[in-house]
Amino acid sequence: MKAVNIKWDTDGDLELLQDLPKEIEIPEYLIDEDTDIDEYEEEIADYISEVTGYCHFGFDLE
């Protein structure tokens, strides 16, 4: 699974926006296929911010 269409919070910095990843692979340990996505979506959101060092406004999962 990967996060795509990440809506980065760059305060309008277009150069920074170009440098941030367009998608991020989500590690298996964060995904529980027997659980509803809403229950672990926050953990994935935190993971994205921790890996990149930047906040975001949301993402889609593929």
C-alpha atoms as a PDB file:
ATOM      1  CA  MET A   1       0.000   0.000   0.000  1.00  0.00           C
ATOM      2  CA  LYS A   2       1.175   3.527  -0.644  1.00  0.00           C
ATOM      3  CA  ALA A   3       0.067   7.075   0.095  1.00  0.00           C
ATOM      4  CA  VAL A   4      -0.513   9.139  -3.050  1.00  0.00           C
ATOM      5  CA  ASN A   5      -1.892  12.599  -3.829  1.00  0.00           C
ATOM      6  CA  ILE A   6      -0.340  13.881  -0.620  1.00  0.00           C
ATOM      7  CA  LYS A   7      -1.500  17.432   0.055  1.00  0.00           C
ATOM      8  CA  TRP A   8       1.606  18.969   1.592  1.00  0.00           C
ATOM      9  CA  ASP A   9       1.526  21.956   3.945  1.00  0.00           C
ATOM     10  CA  THR A  10       4.325  24.094   2.489  1.00  0.00           C
ATOM     11  CA  ASP A  11       2.958  27.562   3.282  1.00  0.00           C
ATOM     12  CA  GLY A  12       2.956  28.292  -0.449  1.00  0.00           C
ATOM     13  CA  ASP A  13       6.619  27.374  -1.022  1.00  0.00           C
ATOM     14  CA  LEU A  14       6.402  25.929  -4.546  1.00  0.00           C
ATOM     15  CA  GLU A  15      10.080  24.957  -4.663  1.00  0.00           C
ATOM     16  CA  LEU A  16       9.696  22.902  -1.497  1.00  0.00           C
ATOM     17  CA  LEU A  17       6.521  21.353  -2.883  1.00  0.00           C
ATOM     18  CA  GLN A  18       8.484  20.110  -5.906  1.00  0.00           C
ATOM     19  CA  ASP A  19      11.063  18.455  -3.632  1.00  0.00           C
ATOM     20  CA  LEU A  20       8.586  16.522  -1.476  1.00  0.00           C
ATOM     21  CA  PRO A  21       7.669  12.962  -2.500  1.00  0.00           C
ATOM     22  CA  LYS A  22       4.613  12.385  -4.680  1.00  0.00           C
ATOM     23  CA  GLU A  23       3.993   9.014  -3.032  1.00  0.00           C
ATOM     24  CA  ILE A  24       5.240   7.096  -0.003  1.00  0.00           C
ATOM     25  CA  GLU A  25       5.229   3.345   0.554  1.00  0.00           C
ATOM     26  CA  ILE A  26       3.447   2.438   3.786  1.00  0.00           C
ATOM     27  CA  PRO A  27       5.155  -0.304   5.841  1.00  0.00           C
ATOM     28  CA  GLU A  28       3.188  -3.484   6.421  1.00  0.00           C
ATOM     29  CA  TYR A  29       3.270  -3.095  10.201  1.00  0.00           C
ATOM     30  CA  LEU A  30       0.989  -0.044   9.911  1.00  0.00           C
ATOM     31  CA  ILE A  31      -1.645  -1.914   7.901  1.00  0.00           C
ATOM     32  CA  ASP A  32      -4.153  -4.293   9.444  1.00  0.00           C
ATOM     33  CA  GLU A  33      -6.277  -5.762   6.672  1.00  0.00           C
ATOM     34  CA  ASP A  34      -8.839  -7.031   9.191  1.00  0.00           C
ATOM     35  CA  THR A  35      -9.433  -3.510  10.500  1.00  0.00           C
ATOM     36  CA  ASP A  36     -11.310  -0.612   8.939  1.00  0.00           C
ATOM     37  CA  ILE A  37      -9.001   1.926   7.274  1.00  0.00           C
ATOM     38  CA  ASP A  38     -10.368   4.723   9.480  1.00  0.00           C
ATOM     39  CA  GLU A  39      -8.833   3.032  12.505  1.00  0.00           C
ATOM     40  CA  TYR A  40      -5.240   3.187  11.241  1.00  0.00           C
ATOM     41  CA  GLU A  41      -5.389   6.191   8.901  1.00  0.00           C
ATOM     42  CA  GLU A  42      -4.142   8.499  11.674  1.00  0.00           C
ATOM     43  CA  GLU A  43      -1.106   6.266  12.228  1.00  0.00           C
ATOM     44  CA  ILE A  44      -0.334   6.440   8.508  1.00  0.00           C
ATOM     45  CA  ALA A  45      -0.716  10.239   8.581  1.00  0.00           C
ATOM     46  CA  ASP A  46       1.751  10.444  11.465  1.00  0.00           C
ATOM     47  CA  TYR A  47       4.158   8.125   9.645  1.00  0.00           C
ATOM     48  CA  ILE A  48       4.155  10.362   6.546  1.00  0.00           C
ATOM     49  CA  SER A  49       4.997  13.419   8.650  1.00  0.00           C
ATOM     50  CA  GLU A  50       7.698  11.572  10.610  1.00  0.00           C
ATOM     51  CA  VAL A  51       9.406  10.234   7.486  1.00  0.00           C
ATOM     52  CA  THR A  52       9.451  13.556   5.637  1.00  0.00           C
ATOM     53  CA  GLY A  53       9.554  16.067   8.474  1.00  0.00           C
ATOM     54  CA  TYR A  54       6.612  17.952   6.947  1.00  0.00           C
ATOM     55  CA  CYS A  55       2.938  18.229   7.782  1.00  0.00           C
ATOM     56  CA  HIS A  56       0.193  17.543   5.279  1.00  0.00           C
ATOM     57  CA  PHE A  57      -3.526  18.068   4.842  1.00  0.00           C
ATOM     58  CA  GLY A  58      -4.327  14.522   3.724  1.00  0.00           C
ATOM     59  CA  PHE A  59      -3.624  11.803   1.185  1.00  0.00           C
ATOM     60  CA  ASP A  60      -5.178   8.918  -0.725  1.00  0.00           C
ATOM     61  CA  LEU A  61      -4.225   5.266  -0.372  1.00  0.00           C
ATOM     62  CA  GLU A  62      -3.573   2.849  -3.222  1.00  0.00           C
END
